[in-house]
Every structure is written in C-alpha cells, then in structure tokens.
Amino acid sequence: MKNKTIKRRITAIVFLITIACFSQNRSQTIVPLGFFYSKIKSQKNPQLIDARGPEEFALNHIEGAVNLNLQSENYAKYVAHLDPSKPVFIYSIGAGRSVALADELLKNGFKEAYSLEGGIASWIGAGKPFYSNSKSKLSLAEYKKLITENNFVLVDIGSKYCGACKKVKPVLETLKAQYGENLKIVEIELEDSPQVIADLKTIQVFPTLILYKNGKITFKKEGSADLKNEVDLALANNLN
C-alpha cells in the first residue's frame, strides 16, 4: 500500500514537471523584437515566415519573408524546403498564428522556432524595413497637424485583420456620440497608412490608442480591454 502511494506521488510529480516544461517551452517561442531582429541579423539566409493570410501578406510584410501558415496549400511541401537545424523566425498580427506554427515546427523536429511578440505591429512600429504595395494615405506631417490643430485627439492604430482591433470600433462610435466635437477621433490602419505607423516609432502591438491634448500625449493604451472607462477617466482628468 505504501509503495503504491509513493508511486502515485512520483507519477503526479513527473506529470507536473512535464506540464511546467511544456508551458515554459511554449512561452519561450515568443520573443521580443530586439531578440528577434538581432537573431535574424546573425543569420546569412534567415528563414523568415509571415504566418498571416495571403491577402494580408500581399498588402505588406517584412522584407525577405515568405508566406506560410498551418492552413496554407501544400504546407508540407513548403516545410520540406526549410532547414530544421537552423532557426525559423515567424510573425503574424499578434502571436496566434505565429505561435501555432512555431509549436508545430518544434514538435516536428525543428531546433529553433521563434514567434515575434507583437507581430508585424512591433516590427513596423519600430521603424524596421518592410514592404508595402501602396503609399500611405496619411503622412507623418499630416498626422502631426491633426493632433496639434485639435484640443483633444484620440488616435486608434490597428489593422482590419486584427480581432482585438474590431472590438475597438463600437467603443469609438460611443465616444463620438458622447463627446461630439470636443473629441477628434482618428483611425489609422496598417493596410492604409503603414509608413506613418513606422514613422511614429512608438507602436508595439495592435490595437494601440493614444489620447493627445494640444499635441501632447496624455494617455496611451494597448489592447481593447476596459477601453471606454479608461478613456472617460483620461478625458475627465484633462477636461477639468
């Protein structure tokens, strides 16, 4: 009886250690921009993958990237061309599709697979080189003019392919109705104005919301959680 109890305890401990190791390995696939960028630069021919959809990739992507995700046609064929002994660098909008692909590659014998924290928002938002198939609708000069010519400006920066960004839109409509002409709302999407996002050099994730008062930042938020309450509070503090 005593031996069975000991065995059960050992089994439980091994199970917990296995879970902990799995969680640790999963989290280690997500790396910050600095590590991701320097690691790429250390490779002669880096294996760089854009794990977004083909339509997203066609609009903009990191220079040198190829388009591949778990739903891609001929997925196995493309993976067979990769070198499992060398690092693979993956990004998407956030970390969903890129982490899924990184985990799948690691599970199938790849030595290193890294997912970029913040995705393409982090890369372009830091001013790193990228490809775009169109010129930005909004320039940095026009952006600066908007935030200085209005007392209060709330800027929403995101992508039409970003799930969390879609949750911001109804909140913005509510704010427009509530504050009217007292609050200028500017919406900037990666697909329309990538260069201004790059020129700002302050965006790390989508969505990012920035509140300006007379051209100065008074509030900045990443993500959509509790957005309405936080904007209301920020405006209340500045309107008084």
C-alpha atoms as a PDB file:
ATOM      1  CA  MET A   1       0.000   0.000   0.000  1.00  0.00           C
ATOM      2  CA  LYS A   2       2.810   2.321   0.943  1.00  0.00           C
ATOM      3  CA  ASN A   3       4.660   1.563  -2.313  1.00  0.00           C
ATOM      4  CA  LYS A   4       1.520   2.344  -4.364  1.00  0.00           C
ATOM      5  CA  THR A   5       1.162   5.688  -2.603  1.00  0.00           C
ATOM      6  CA  ILE A   6       4.781   6.562  -3.336  1.00  0.00           C
ATOM      7  CA  LYS A   7       4.346   5.569  -6.998  1.00  0.00           C
ATOM      8  CA  ARG A   8       1.240   7.739  -7.317  1.00  0.00           C
ATOM      9  CA  ARG A   9       3.116  10.702  -5.841  1.00  0.00           C
ATOM     10  CA  ILE A  10       6.054  10.171  -8.188  1.00  0.00           C
ATOM     11  CA  THR A  11       3.673   9.938 -11.161  1.00  0.00           C
ATOM     12  CA  ALA A  12       1.959  13.178 -10.111  1.00  0.00           C
ATOM     13  CA  ILE A  13       5.298  14.971  -9.724  1.00  0.00           C
ATOM     14  CA  VAL A  14       6.501  13.796 -13.151  1.00  0.00           C
ATOM     15  CA  PHE A  15       3.210  14.962 -14.697  1.00  0.00           C
ATOM     16  CA  LEU A  16       3.521  18.415 -13.119  1.00  0.00           C
ATOM     17  CA  ILE A  17       7.135  18.755 -14.261  1.00  0.00           C
ATOM     18  CA  THR A  18       6.134  17.757 -17.807  1.00  0.00           C
ATOM     19  CA  ILE A  19       3.347  20.366 -17.868  1.00  0.00           C
ATOM     20  CA  ALA A  20       5.699  23.018 -16.488  1.00  0.00           C
ATOM     21  CA  CYS A  21       8.339  22.235 -19.103  1.00  0.00           C
ATOM     22  CA  PHE A  22       5.761  22.331 -21.898  1.00  0.00           C
ATOM     23  CA  SER A  23       4.454  25.713 -20.720  1.00  0.00           C
ATOM     24  CA  GLN A  24       7.974  27.066 -20.400  1.00  0.00           C
ATOM     25  CA  ASN A  25       8.948  25.894 -23.900  1.00  0.00           C
ATOM     26  CA  ARG A  26       5.763  27.390 -25.358  1.00  0.00           C
ATOM     27  CA  SER A  27       6.362  30.764 -23.752  1.00  0.00           C
ATOM     28  CA  GLN A  28       9.968  30.726 -24.921  1.00  0.00           C
ATOM     29  CA  THR A  29       8.831  30.619 -28.561  1.00  0.00           C
ATOM     30  CA  ILE A  30       7.504  34.184 -28.151  1.00  0.00           C
ATOM     31  CA  VAL A  31      10.407  36.631 -28.170  1.00  0.00           C
ATOM     32  CA  PRO A  32      10.659  40.445 -28.099  1.00  0.00           C
ATOM     33  CA  LEU A  33      11.592  42.471 -31.152  1.00  0.00           C
ATOM     34  CA  GLY A  34      15.185  43.122 -30.046  1.00  0.00           C
ATOM     35  CA  PHE A  35      15.989  39.423 -29.797  1.00  0.00           C
ATOM     36  CA  PHE A  36      14.050  38.572 -32.966  1.00  0.00           C
ATOM     37  CA  TYR A  37      15.778  41.276 -35.015  1.00  0.00           C
ATOM     38  CA  SER A  38      19.326  40.617 -33.780  1.00  0.00           C
ATOM     39  CA  LYS A  39      18.909  36.869 -34.232  1.00  0.00           C
ATOM     40  CA  ILE A  40      17.764  37.386 -37.825  1.00  0.00           C
ATOM     41  CA  LYS A  41      20.736  39.646 -38.481  1.00  0.00           C
ATOM     42  CA  SER A  42      23.077  36.917 -37.239  1.00  0.00           C
ATOM     43  CA  GLN A  43      21.862  34.534 -39.978  1.00  0.00           C
ATOM     44  CA  LYS A  44      23.264  34.539 -43.507  1.00  0.00           C
ATOM     45  CA  ASN A  45      19.965  33.482 -45.099  1.00  0.00           C
ATOM     46  CA  PRO A  46      17.341  33.718 -42.342  1.00  0.00           C
ATOM     47  CA  GLN A  47      14.235  31.546 -42.567  1.00  0.00           C
ATOM     48  CA  LEU A  48      11.616  34.259 -42.104  1.00  0.00           C
ATOM     49  CA  ILE A  49       7.912  33.355 -42.284  1.00  0.00           C
ATOM     50  CA  ASP A  50       4.805  35.529 -42.381  1.00  0.00           C
ATOM     51  CA  ALA A  51       2.062  33.348 -40.878  1.00  0.00           C
ATOM     52  CA  ARG A  52      -0.804  35.648 -41.894  1.00  0.00           C
ATOM     53  CA  GLY A  53      -3.186  35.037 -44.772  1.00  0.00           C
ATOM     54  CA  PRO A  54      -2.173  35.569 -48.433  1.00  0.00           C
ATOM     55  CA  GLU A  55      -4.286  38.747 -48.695  1.00  0.00           C
ATOM     56  CA  GLU A  56      -2.594  40.285 -45.667  1.00  0.00           C
ATOM     57  CA  PHE A  57       0.850  39.289 -46.924  1.00  0.00           C
ATOM     58  CA  ALA A  58       0.185  40.847 -50.339  1.00  0.00           C
ATOM     59  CA  LEU A  59      -0.573  44.218 -48.734  1.00  0.00           C
ATOM     60  CA  ASN A  60       2.520  44.408 -46.541  1.00  0.00           C
ATOM     61  CA  HIS A  61       5.174  42.181 -44.997  1.00  0.00           C
ATOM     62  CA  ILE A  62       8.675  42.131 -43.594  1.00  0.00           C
ATOM     63  CA  GLU A  63      11.253  42.230 -46.370  1.00  0.00           C
ATOM     64  CA  GLY A  64      12.564  38.772 -47.191  1.00  0.00           C
ATOM     65  CA  ALA A  65       9.633  36.896 -45.632  1.00  0.00           C
ATOM     66  CA  VAL A  66       7.705  34.060 -47.271  1.00  0.00           C
ATOM     67  CA  ASN A  67       4.011  33.432 -46.632  1.00  0.00           C
ATOM     68  CA  LEU A  68       3.196  30.181 -44.824  1.00  0.00           C
ATOM     69  CA  ASN A  69       0.760  29.073 -42.134  1.00  0.00           C
ATOM     70  CA  LEU A  70      -0.904  25.869 -40.967  1.00  0.00           C
ATOM     71  CA  GLN A  71      -3.774  26.377 -43.434  1.00  0.00           C
ATOM     72  CA  SER A  72      -1.562  27.006 -46.462  1.00  0.00           C
ATOM     73  CA  GLU A  73      -1.985  24.832 -49.534  1.00  0.00           C
ATOM     74  CA  ASN A  74       0.981  22.487 -49.994  1.00  0.00           C
ATOM     75  CA  TYR A  75       2.007  23.196 -46.386  1.00  0.00           C
ATOM     76  CA  ALA A  76       4.112  20.022 -46.116  1.00  0.00           C
ATOM     77  CA  LYS A  77       5.886  20.817 -49.390  1.00  0.00           C
ATOM     78  CA  TYR A  78       6.929  24.281 -48.183  1.00  0.00           C
ATOM     79  CA  VAL A  79       8.049  22.997 -44.781  1.00  0.00           C
ATOM     80  CA  ALA A  80      10.174  20.362 -46.520  1.00  0.00           C
ATOM     81  CA  HIS A  81      12.229  23.185 -48.046  1.00  0.00           C
ATOM     82  CA  LEU A  82      13.109  24.558 -44.606  1.00  0.00           C
ATOM     83  CA  ASP A  83      16.250  23.525 -42.742  1.00  0.00           C
ATOM     84  CA  PRO A  84      15.227  22.123 -39.338  1.00  0.00           C
ATOM     85  CA  SER A  85      18.745  22.579 -37.989  1.00  0.00           C
ATOM     86  CA  LYS A  86      18.523  26.366 -38.415  1.00  0.00           C
ATOM     87  CA  PRO A  87      16.279  28.909 -36.638  1.00  0.00           C
ATOM     88  CA  VAL A  88      12.883  29.785 -38.095  1.00  0.00           C
ATOM     89  CA  PHE A  89      11.506  33.277 -37.464  1.00  0.00           C
ATOM     90  CA  ILE A  90       7.732  33.677 -37.586  1.00  0.00           C
ATOM     91  CA  TYR A  91       5.326  36.584 -37.179  1.00  0.00           C
ATOM     92  CA  SER A  92       1.636  37.353 -37.674  1.00  0.00           C
ATOM     93  CA  ILE A  93      -0.698  40.141 -36.472  1.00  0.00           C
ATOM     94  CA  GLY A  94      -0.278  39.190 -32.819  1.00  0.00           C
ATOM     95  CA  ALA A  95       1.047  35.853 -31.674  1.00  0.00           C
ATOM     96  CA  GLY A  96      -1.769  33.438 -32.503  1.00  0.00           C
ATOM     97  CA  ARG A  97      -0.933  32.027 -35.921  1.00  0.00           C
ATOM     98  CA  SER A  98       2.803  32.502 -35.477  1.00  0.00           C
ATOM     99  CA  VAL A  99       2.894  30.630 -32.149  1.00  0.00           C
ATOM    100  CA  ALA A 100       0.771  27.805 -33.588  1.00  0.00           C
ATOM    101  CA  LEU A 101       3.207  27.396 -36.481  1.00  0.00           C
ATOM    102  CA  ALA A 102       6.280  27.670 -34.233  1.00  0.00           C
ATOM    103  CA  ASP A 103       4.898  24.998 -31.891  1.00  0.00           C
ATOM    104  CA  GLU A 104       4.120  22.701 -34.824  1.00  0.00           C
ATOM    105  CA  LEU A 105       7.633  23.049 -36.237  1.00  0.00           C
ATOM    106  CA  LEU A 106       9.252  22.394 -32.856  1.00  0.00           C
ATOM    107  CA  LYS A 107       7.035  19.354 -32.372  1.00  0.00           C
ATOM    108  CA  ASN A 108       8.277  18.019 -35.718  1.00  0.00           C
ATOM    109  CA  GLY A 109      11.982  18.231 -35.035  1.00  0.00           C
ATOM    110  CA  PHE A 110      12.951  21.824 -35.759  1.00  0.00           C
ATOM    111  CA  LYS A 111      15.742  23.009 -33.464  1.00  0.00           C
ATOM    112  CA  GLU A 112      14.601  26.643 -33.030  1.00  0.00           C
ATOM    113  CA  ALA A 113      11.382  28.475 -33.910  1.00  0.00           C
ATOM    114  CA  TYR A 114      10.643  31.996 -32.710  1.00  0.00           C
ATOM    115  CA  SER A 115       7.394  33.949 -32.768  1.00  0.00           C
ATOM    116  CA  LEU A 116       7.639  37.749 -32.731  1.00  0.00           C
ATOM    117  CA  GLU A 117       5.924  39.331 -29.738  1.00  0.00           C
ATOM    118  CA  GLY A 118       3.536  41.999 -31.002  1.00  0.00           C
ATOM    119  CA  GLY A 119       3.745  40.620 -34.535  1.00  0.00           C
ATOM    120  CA  ILE A 120       4.098  42.912 -37.517  1.00  0.00           C
ATOM    121  CA  ALA A 121       2.891  45.856 -35.408  1.00  0.00           C
ATOM    122  CA  SER A 122       6.044  45.562 -33.320  1.00  0.00           C
ATOM    123  CA  TRP A 123       8.282  45.356 -36.401  1.00  0.00           C
ATOM    124  CA  ILE A 124       6.792  48.214 -38.433  1.00  0.00           C
ATOM    125  CA  GLY A 125       6.075  50.233 -35.285  1.00  0.00           C
ATOM    126  CA  ALA A 126       9.791  50.227 -34.525  1.00  0.00           C
ATOM    127  CA  GLY A 127      10.631  51.531 -37.995  1.00  0.00           C
ATOM    128  CA  LYS A 128      12.179  48.283 -39.275  1.00  0.00           C
ATOM    129  CA  PRO A 129      12.271  47.760 -43.076  1.00  0.00           C
ATOM    130  CA  PHE A 130       9.085  46.411 -44.649  1.00  0.00           C
ATOM    131  CA  TYR A 131       7.347  46.032 -47.995  1.00  0.00           C
ATOM    132  CA  SER A 132       4.045  47.747 -48.811  1.00  0.00           C
ATOM    133  CA  ASN A 133       2.179  47.617 -52.102  1.00  0.00           C
ATOM    134  CA  SER A 134       0.742  51.118 -51.682  1.00  0.00           C
ATOM    135  CA  LYS A 135       1.664  54.568 -50.448  1.00  0.00           C
ATOM    136  CA  SER A 136       0.376  55.617 -47.036  1.00  0.00           C
ATOM    137  CA  LYS A 137      -2.817  57.692 -47.141  1.00  0.00           C
ATOM    138  CA  LEU A 138      -1.637  59.674 -44.113  1.00  0.00           C
ATOM    139  CA  SER A 139       1.841  61.190 -43.758  1.00  0.00           C
ATOM    140  CA  LEU A 140       3.622  61.975 -40.511  1.00  0.00           C
ATOM    141  CA  ALA A 141       3.324  65.688 -41.258  1.00  0.00           C
ATOM    142  CA  GLU A 142      -0.452  65.355 -41.709  1.00  0.00           C
ATOM    143  CA  TYR A 143      -0.661  63.324 -38.518  1.00  0.00           C
ATOM    144  CA  LYS A 144       1.170  65.986 -36.525  1.00  0.00           C
ATOM    145  CA  LYS A 145      -1.102  68.652 -37.981  1.00  0.00           C
ATOM    146  CA  LEU A 146      -4.197  66.708 -36.868  1.00  0.00           C
ATOM    147  CA  ILE A 147      -3.044  66.322 -33.277  1.00  0.00           C
ATOM    148  CA  THR A 148      -1.957  69.953 -32.904  1.00  0.00           C
ATOM    149  CA  GLU A 149      -4.957  71.629 -34.564  1.00  0.00           C
ATOM    150  CA  ASN A 150      -7.457  69.936 -32.233  1.00  0.00           C
ATOM    151  CA  ASN A 151      -7.614  70.221 -28.445  1.00  0.00           C
ATOM    152  CA  PHE A 152      -8.341  66.554 -27.820  1.00  0.00           C
ATOM    153  CA  VAL A 153      -7.492  63.813 -30.325  1.00  0.00           C
ATOM    154  CA  LEU A 154      -7.931  60.081 -29.777  1.00  0.00           C
ATOM    155  CA  VAL A 155      -5.898  58.025 -32.271  1.00  0.00           C
ATOM    156  CA  ASP A 156      -6.777  54.376 -32.865  1.00  0.00           C
ATOM    157  CA  ILE A 157      -3.962  52.420 -34.552  1.00  0.00           C
ATOM    158  CA  GLY A 158      -4.591  48.871 -35.743  1.00  0.00           C
ATOM    159  CA  SER A 159      -5.395  46.562 -38.639  1.00  0.00           C
ATOM    160  CA  LYS A 160      -8.607  45.422 -40.286  1.00  0.00           C
ATOM    161  CA  TYR A 161      -7.354  41.850 -39.880  1.00  0.00           C
ATOM    162  CA  CYS A 162      -6.854  42.206 -36.116  1.00  0.00           C
ATOM    163  CA  GLY A 163      -9.585  40.611 -33.988  1.00  0.00           C
ATOM    164  CA  ALA A 164      -8.956  42.814 -30.955  1.00  0.00           C
ATOM    165  CA  CYS A 165      -8.988  45.917 -33.185  1.00  0.00           C
ATOM    166  CA  LYS A 166     -12.540  45.142 -34.290  1.00  0.00           C
ATOM    167  CA  LYS A 167     -13.683  45.349 -30.670  1.00  0.00           C
ATOM    168  CA  VAL A 168     -12.476  48.964 -30.537  1.00  0.00           C
ATOM    169  CA  LYS A 169     -14.786  50.207 -33.318  1.00  0.00           C
ATOM    170  CA  PRO A 170     -18.108  50.168 -31.399  1.00  0.00           C
ATOM    171  CA  VAL A 171     -16.385  51.861 -28.453  1.00  0.00           C
ATOM    172  CA  LEU A 172     -15.201  54.648 -30.759  1.00  0.00           C
ATOM    173  CA  GLU A 173     -18.756  55.138 -32.038  1.00  0.00           C
ATOM    174  CA  THR A 174     -19.974  55.507 -28.457  1.00  0.00           C
ATOM    175  CA  LEU A 175     -17.245  58.034 -27.707  1.00  0.00           C
ATOM    176  CA  LYS A 176     -18.108  60.028 -30.839  1.00  0.00           C
ATOM    177  CA  ALA A 177     -21.737  60.266 -29.738  1.00  0.00           C
ATOM    178  CA  GLN A 178     -20.777  61.131 -26.169  1.00  0.00           C
ATOM    179  CA  TYR A 179     -18.142  63.811 -26.768  1.00  0.00           C
ATOM    180  CA  GLY A 180     -19.072  65.139 -30.195  1.00  0.00           C
ATOM    181  CA  GLU A 181     -16.866  67.985 -31.382  1.00  0.00           C
ATOM    182  CA  ASN A 182     -14.924  68.013 -28.089  1.00  0.00           C
ATOM    183  CA  LEU A 183     -13.042  64.883 -29.162  1.00  0.00           C
ATOM    184  CA  LYS A 184     -11.469  64.315 -32.579  1.00  0.00           C
ATOM    185  CA  ILE A 185     -11.125  60.598 -33.349  1.00  0.00           C
ATOM    186  CA  VAL A 186      -8.560  59.442 -35.915  1.00  0.00           C
ATOM    187  CA  GLU A 187      -8.461  55.818 -37.095  1.00  0.00           C
ATOM    188  CA  ILE A 188      -5.249  54.540 -38.690  1.00  0.00           C
ATOM    189  CA  GLU A 189      -4.975  51.066 -40.191  1.00  0.00           C
ATOM    190  CA  LEU A 190      -1.822  49.236 -41.192  1.00  0.00           C
ATOM    191  CA  GLU A 191      -3.263  48.453 -44.611  1.00  0.00           C
ATOM    192  CA  ASP A 192      -3.842  52.128 -45.435  1.00  0.00           C
ATOM    193  CA  SER A 193      -1.040  54.004 -43.674  1.00  0.00           C
ATOM    194  CA  PRO A 194       1.873  51.729 -42.761  1.00  0.00           C
ATOM    195  CA  GLN A 195       4.513  54.425 -43.121  1.00  0.00           C
ATOM    196  CA  VAL A 196       3.042  56.759 -40.503  1.00  0.00           C
ATOM    197  CA  ILE A 197       2.963  53.816 -38.061  1.00  0.00           C
ATOM    198  CA  ALA A 198       6.641  53.235 -38.841  1.00  0.00           C
ATOM    199  CA  ASP A 199       7.493  56.929 -38.540  1.00  0.00           C
ATOM    200  CA  LEU A 200       5.869  57.229 -35.100  1.00  0.00           C
ATOM    201  CA  LYS A 201       8.272  54.576 -33.757  1.00  0.00           C
ATOM    202  CA  THR A 202       6.056  54.049 -30.715  1.00  0.00           C
ATOM    203  CA  ILE A 203       3.676  51.203 -31.682  1.00  0.00           C
ATOM    204  CA  GLN A 204       4.362  47.737 -30.263  1.00  0.00           C
ATOM    205  CA  VAL A 205       1.022  45.985 -30.627  1.00  0.00           C
ATOM    206  CA  PHE A 206      -2.402  46.325 -32.265  1.00  0.00           C
ATOM    207  CA  PRO A 207      -4.614  47.954 -31.229  1.00  0.00           C
ATOM    208  CA  THR A 208      -2.891  50.951 -29.643  1.00  0.00           C
ATOM    209  CA  LEU A 209      -4.883  54.035 -28.647  1.00  0.00           C
ATOM    210  CA  ILE A 210      -3.296  57.402 -27.923  1.00  0.00           C
ATOM    211  CA  LEU A 211      -5.054  60.451 -26.475  1.00  0.00           C
ATOM    212  CA  TYR A 212      -3.498  63.830 -27.224  1.00  0.00           C
ATOM    213  CA  LYS A 213      -4.212  67.150 -25.535  1.00  0.00           C
ATOM    214  CA  ASN A 214      -2.925  70.103 -27.571  1.00  0.00           C
ATOM    215  CA  GLY A 215      -0.440  67.820 -29.337  1.00  0.00           C
ATOM    216  CA  LYS A 216       0.889  66.155 -26.178  1.00  0.00           C
ATOM    217  CA  ILE A 217       0.243  62.539 -25.194  1.00  0.00           C
ATOM    218  CA  THR A 218      -1.840  62.299 -22.024  1.00  0.00           C
ATOM    219  CA  PHE A 219      -2.984  58.677 -22.306  1.00  0.00           C
ATOM    220  CA  LYS A 220      -1.829  55.576 -24.158  1.00  0.00           C
ATOM    221  CA  LYS A 221      -3.379  52.118 -24.121  1.00  0.00           C
ATOM    222  CA  GLU A 222      -2.506  48.806 -25.767  1.00  0.00           C
ATOM    223  CA  GLY A 223      -5.449  46.459 -26.259  1.00  0.00           C
ATOM    224  CA  SER A 224      -9.193  46.958 -26.061  1.00  0.00           C
ATOM    225  CA  ALA A 225      -9.999  45.783 -22.523  1.00  0.00           C
ATOM    226  CA  ASP A 226     -11.922  48.360 -20.438  1.00  0.00           C
ATOM    227  CA  LEU A 227     -11.189  50.970 -23.102  1.00  0.00           C
ATOM    228  CA  LYS A 228     -14.320  53.098 -22.619  1.00  0.00           C
ATOM    229  CA  ASN A 229     -13.795  53.553 -18.868  1.00  0.00           C
ATOM    230  CA  GLU A 230     -10.122  54.375 -19.253  1.00  0.00           C
ATOM    231  CA  VAL A 231     -10.727  56.966 -21.988  1.00  0.00           C
ATOM    232  CA  ASP A 232     -13.554  58.536 -19.952  1.00  0.00           C
ATOM    233  CA  LEU A 233     -11.239  58.799 -16.952  1.00  0.00           C
ATOM    234  CA  ALA A 234      -8.397  60.243 -19.010  1.00  0.00           C
ATOM    235  CA  LEU A 235     -10.691  62.846 -20.579  1.00  0.00           C
ATOM    236  CA  ALA A 236     -12.257  63.724 -17.211  1.00  0.00           C
ATOM    237  CA  ASN A 237      -8.802  64.361 -15.758  1.00  0.00           C
ATOM    238  CA  ASN A 238      -7.854  66.597 -18.678  1.00  0.00           C
ATOM    239  CA  LEU A 239     -11.110  68.460 -19.240  1.00  0.00           C
ATOM    240  CA  ASN A 240     -11.126  69.804 -15.683  1.00  0.00           C
END
